[in-house]
């Protein structure tokens, strides 16, 4: 999980919903880490790079906001790993949609 920042109730609820959904739909899946950023896309980029280094076989990344999704997508692209792992992000923009497709 790559979170955009702490203390925002909507982000907390998104993470809670993701965790509950994963527990129900994929109980064998393990959430290996949650990185909480500082409301900067660059931090989400760096956090995602750290996750990919620490857990190279990770199957998916959940980003709880547009800008954490943009940072995660950029990290995947820079590492040549677009599509592996799967990236799921909340919110949307044309730039994020294209980055997820790429």
C-alpha atoms as a PDB file:
ATOM      1  CA  UNK A   1       0.000   0.000   0.000  1.00  0.00           C
ATOM      2  CA  UNK A   2       1.323   3.437  -0.965  1.00  0.00           C
ATOM      3  CA  UNK A   3      -0.561   6.144   0.910  1.00  0.00           C
ATOM      4  CA  UNK A   4      -0.401   9.807  -0.026  1.00  0.00           C
ATOM      5  CA  UNK A   5      -0.309  11.019   3.575  1.00  0.00           C
ATOM      6  CA  UNK A   6      -1.372  10.496   7.185  1.00  0.00           C
ATOM      7  CA  UNK A   7      -4.430  11.669   9.029  1.00  0.00           C
ATOM      8  CA  UNK A   8      -6.842  12.084   6.120  1.00  0.00           C
ATOM      9  CA  UNK A   9     -10.046  10.208   6.893  1.00  0.00           C
ATOM     10  CA  UNK A  10     -10.902   9.467   3.254  1.00  0.00           C
ATOM     11  CA  UNK A  11      -7.458   7.969   2.647  1.00  0.00           C
ATOM     12  CA  UNK A  12      -7.736   5.948   5.857  1.00  0.00           C
ATOM     13  CA  UNK A  13     -11.148   4.674   4.749  1.00  0.00           C
ATOM     14  CA  UNK A  14      -9.827   3.711   1.321  1.00  0.00           C
ATOM     15  CA  UNK A  15      -7.017   1.709   2.895  1.00  0.00           C
ATOM     16  CA  UNK A  16      -9.417   0.078   5.342  1.00  0.00           C
ATOM     17  CA  UNK A  17     -11.760  -0.863   2.501  1.00  0.00           C
ATOM     18  CA  UNK A  18      -8.877  -2.281   0.466  1.00  0.00           C
ATOM     19  CA  UNK A  19      -7.641  -4.337   3.420  1.00  0.00           C
ATOM     20  CA  UNK A  20     -11.143  -5.644   4.171  1.00  0.00           C
ATOM     21  CA  UNK A  21     -11.756  -6.452   0.503  1.00  0.00           C
ATOM     22  CA  UNK A  22      -8.470  -8.305   0.196  1.00  0.00           C
ATOM     23  CA  UNK A  23      -9.182 -10.278   3.370  1.00  0.00           C
ATOM     24  CA  UNK A  24     -12.566 -11.309   2.001  1.00  0.00           C
ATOM     25  CA  UNK A  25     -11.720 -11.896  -1.662  1.00  0.00           C
ATOM     26  CA  UNK A  26      -8.097 -13.042  -1.458  1.00  0.00           C
ATOM     27  CA  UNK A  27      -7.468 -14.271   2.085  1.00  0.00           C
ATOM     28  CA  UNK A  28      -4.240 -15.954   0.995  1.00  0.00           C
ATOM     29  CA  UNK A  29      -2.795 -12.604  -0.121  1.00  0.00           C
ATOM     30  CA  UNK A  30      -0.444 -10.805   2.215  1.00  0.00           C
ATOM     31  CA  UNK A  31      -0.111  -7.044   2.467  1.00  0.00           C
ATOM     32  CA  UNK A  32       3.654  -6.826   2.897  1.00  0.00           C
ATOM     33  CA  UNK A  33       3.982  -3.144   3.748  1.00  0.00           C
ATOM     34  CA  UNK A  34       2.172   0.166   3.997  1.00  0.00           C
ATOM     35  CA  UNK A  35       4.161   3.276   3.147  1.00  0.00           C
ATOM     36  CA  UNK A  36       2.687   6.579   4.283  1.00  0.00           C
ATOM     37  CA  UNK A  37       3.936   9.620   2.431  1.00  0.00           C
ATOM     38  CA  UNK A  38       4.051  13.335   3.045  1.00  0.00           C
ATOM     39  CA  UNK A  39       1.559  14.489   0.407  1.00  0.00           C
ATOM     40  CA  UNK A  40       4.236  14.617  -2.303  1.00  0.00           C
ATOM     41  CA  UNK A  41       4.191  12.632  -5.546  1.00  0.00           C
ATOM     42  CA  UNK A  42       7.975  12.305  -5.336  1.00  0.00           C
ATOM     43  CA  UNK A  43       7.638  10.581  -1.977  1.00  0.00           C
ATOM     44  CA  UNK A  44       5.186   8.088  -3.478  1.00  0.00           C
ATOM     45  CA  UNK A  45       7.695   7.493  -6.285  1.00  0.00           C
ATOM     46  CA  UNK A  46      10.499   6.873  -3.787  1.00  0.00           C
ATOM     47  CA  UNK A  47       8.302   4.739  -1.529  1.00  0.00           C
ATOM     48  CA  UNK A  48       7.287   2.588  -4.482  1.00  0.00           C
ATOM     49  CA  UNK A  49      10.906   2.174  -5.550  1.00  0.00           C
ATOM     50  CA  UNK A  50      11.710   1.090  -1.990  1.00  0.00           C
ATOM     51  CA  UNK A  51       8.843  -1.421  -2.025  1.00  0.00           C
ATOM     52  CA  UNK A  52       9.965  -2.862  -5.365  1.00  0.00           C
ATOM     53  CA  UNK A  53      13.505  -3.253  -4.037  1.00  0.00           C
ATOM     54  CA  UNK A  54      12.457  -4.800  -0.725  1.00  0.00           C
ATOM     55  CA  UNK A  55       9.763  -7.020  -2.258  1.00  0.00           C
ATOM     56  CA  UNK A  56      10.786  -7.726  -5.883  1.00  0.00           C
ATOM     57  CA  UNK A  57       8.110 -10.418  -6.272  1.00  0.00           C
ATOM     58  CA  UNK A  58       5.218  -8.212  -5.100  1.00  0.00           C
ATOM     59  CA  UNK A  59       2.071  -8.901  -7.147  1.00  0.00           C
ATOM     60  CA  UNK A  60       0.254  -5.611  -6.711  1.00  0.00           C
ATOM     61  CA  UNK A  61       0.398  -2.061  -5.422  1.00  0.00           C
ATOM     62  CA  UNK A  62      -2.577  -0.136  -4.073  1.00  0.00           C
ATOM     63  CA  UNK A  63      -2.287   3.657  -4.167  1.00  0.00           C
ATOM     64  CA  UNK A  64      -4.919   5.515  -2.162  1.00  0.00           C
ATOM     65  CA  UNK A  65      -4.949   8.803  -4.108  1.00  0.00           C
ATOM     66  CA  UNK A  66      -4.269  10.320  -7.513  1.00  0.00           C
ATOM     67  CA  UNK A  67      -0.810  11.613  -6.655  1.00  0.00           C
ATOM     68  CA  UNK A  68       0.361   8.463  -4.876  1.00  0.00           C
ATOM     69  CA  UNK A  69      -0.834   6.598  -7.972  1.00  0.00           C
ATOM     70  CA  UNK A  70       1.154   8.909 -10.237  1.00  0.00           C
ATOM     71  CA  UNK A  71       4.292   8.354  -8.165  1.00  0.00           C
ATOM     72  CA  UNK A  72       3.784   4.588  -8.135  1.00  0.00           C
ATOM     73  CA  UNK A  73       3.163   4.515 -11.891  1.00  0.00           C
ATOM     74  CA  UNK A  74       6.312   6.518 -12.513  1.00  0.00           C
ATOM     75  CA  UNK A  75       8.370   4.127 -10.379  1.00  0.00           C
ATOM     76  CA  UNK A  76       7.022   1.127 -12.263  1.00  0.00           C
ATOM     77  CA  UNK A  77       7.751   2.805 -15.582  1.00  0.00           C
ATOM     78  CA  UNK A  78      11.278   3.819 -14.602  1.00  0.00           C
ATOM     79  CA  UNK A  79      12.033   0.264 -13.490  1.00  0.00           C
ATOM     80  CA  UNK A  80      10.579  -1.210 -16.679  1.00  0.00           C
ATOM     81  CA  UNK A  81       7.913  -3.008 -14.664  1.00  0.00           C
ATOM     82  CA  UNK A  82       4.719  -1.447 -15.988  1.00  0.00           C
ATOM     83  CA  UNK A  83       1.958  -4.035 -15.536  1.00  0.00           C
ATOM     84  CA  UNK A  84       4.025  -6.239 -13.209  1.00  0.00           C
ATOM     85  CA  UNK A  85       3.085  -5.707 -10.468  1.00  0.00           C
ATOM     86  CA  UNK A  86      -0.480  -4.585 -11.068  1.00  0.00           C
ATOM     87  CA  UNK A  87      -1.174  -1.018  -9.945  1.00  0.00           C
ATOM     88  CA  UNK A  88      -4.570  -0.026  -8.586  1.00  0.00           C
ATOM     89  CA  UNK A  89      -5.093   3.639  -7.769  1.00  0.00           C
ATOM     90  CA  UNK A  90      -7.908   5.737  -6.388  1.00  0.00           C
ATOM     91  CA  UNK A  91      -8.953   8.898  -8.198  1.00  0.00           C
ATOM     92  CA  UNK A  92      -8.142   9.530 -11.803  1.00  0.00           C
ATOM     93  CA  UNK A  93      -6.658  11.868 -14.349  1.00  0.00           C
ATOM     94  CA  UNK A  94      -5.763  11.518 -18.004  1.00  0.00           C
ATOM     95  CA  UNK A  95      -2.081  11.349 -17.037  1.00  0.00           C
ATOM     96  CA  UNK A  96      -2.658   8.567 -14.480  1.00  0.00           C
ATOM     97  CA  UNK A  97      -4.906   6.600 -16.816  1.00  0.00           C
ATOM     98  CA  UNK A  98      -2.225   6.691 -19.511  1.00  0.00           C
ATOM     99  CA  UNK A  99       0.506   5.774 -17.029  1.00  0.00           C
ATOM    100  CA  UNK A 100      -1.491   2.768 -15.813  1.00  0.00           C
ATOM    101  CA  UNK A 101      -2.094   1.677 -19.421  1.00  0.00           C
ATOM    102  CA  UNK A 102       1.605   2.021 -20.267  1.00  0.00           C
END
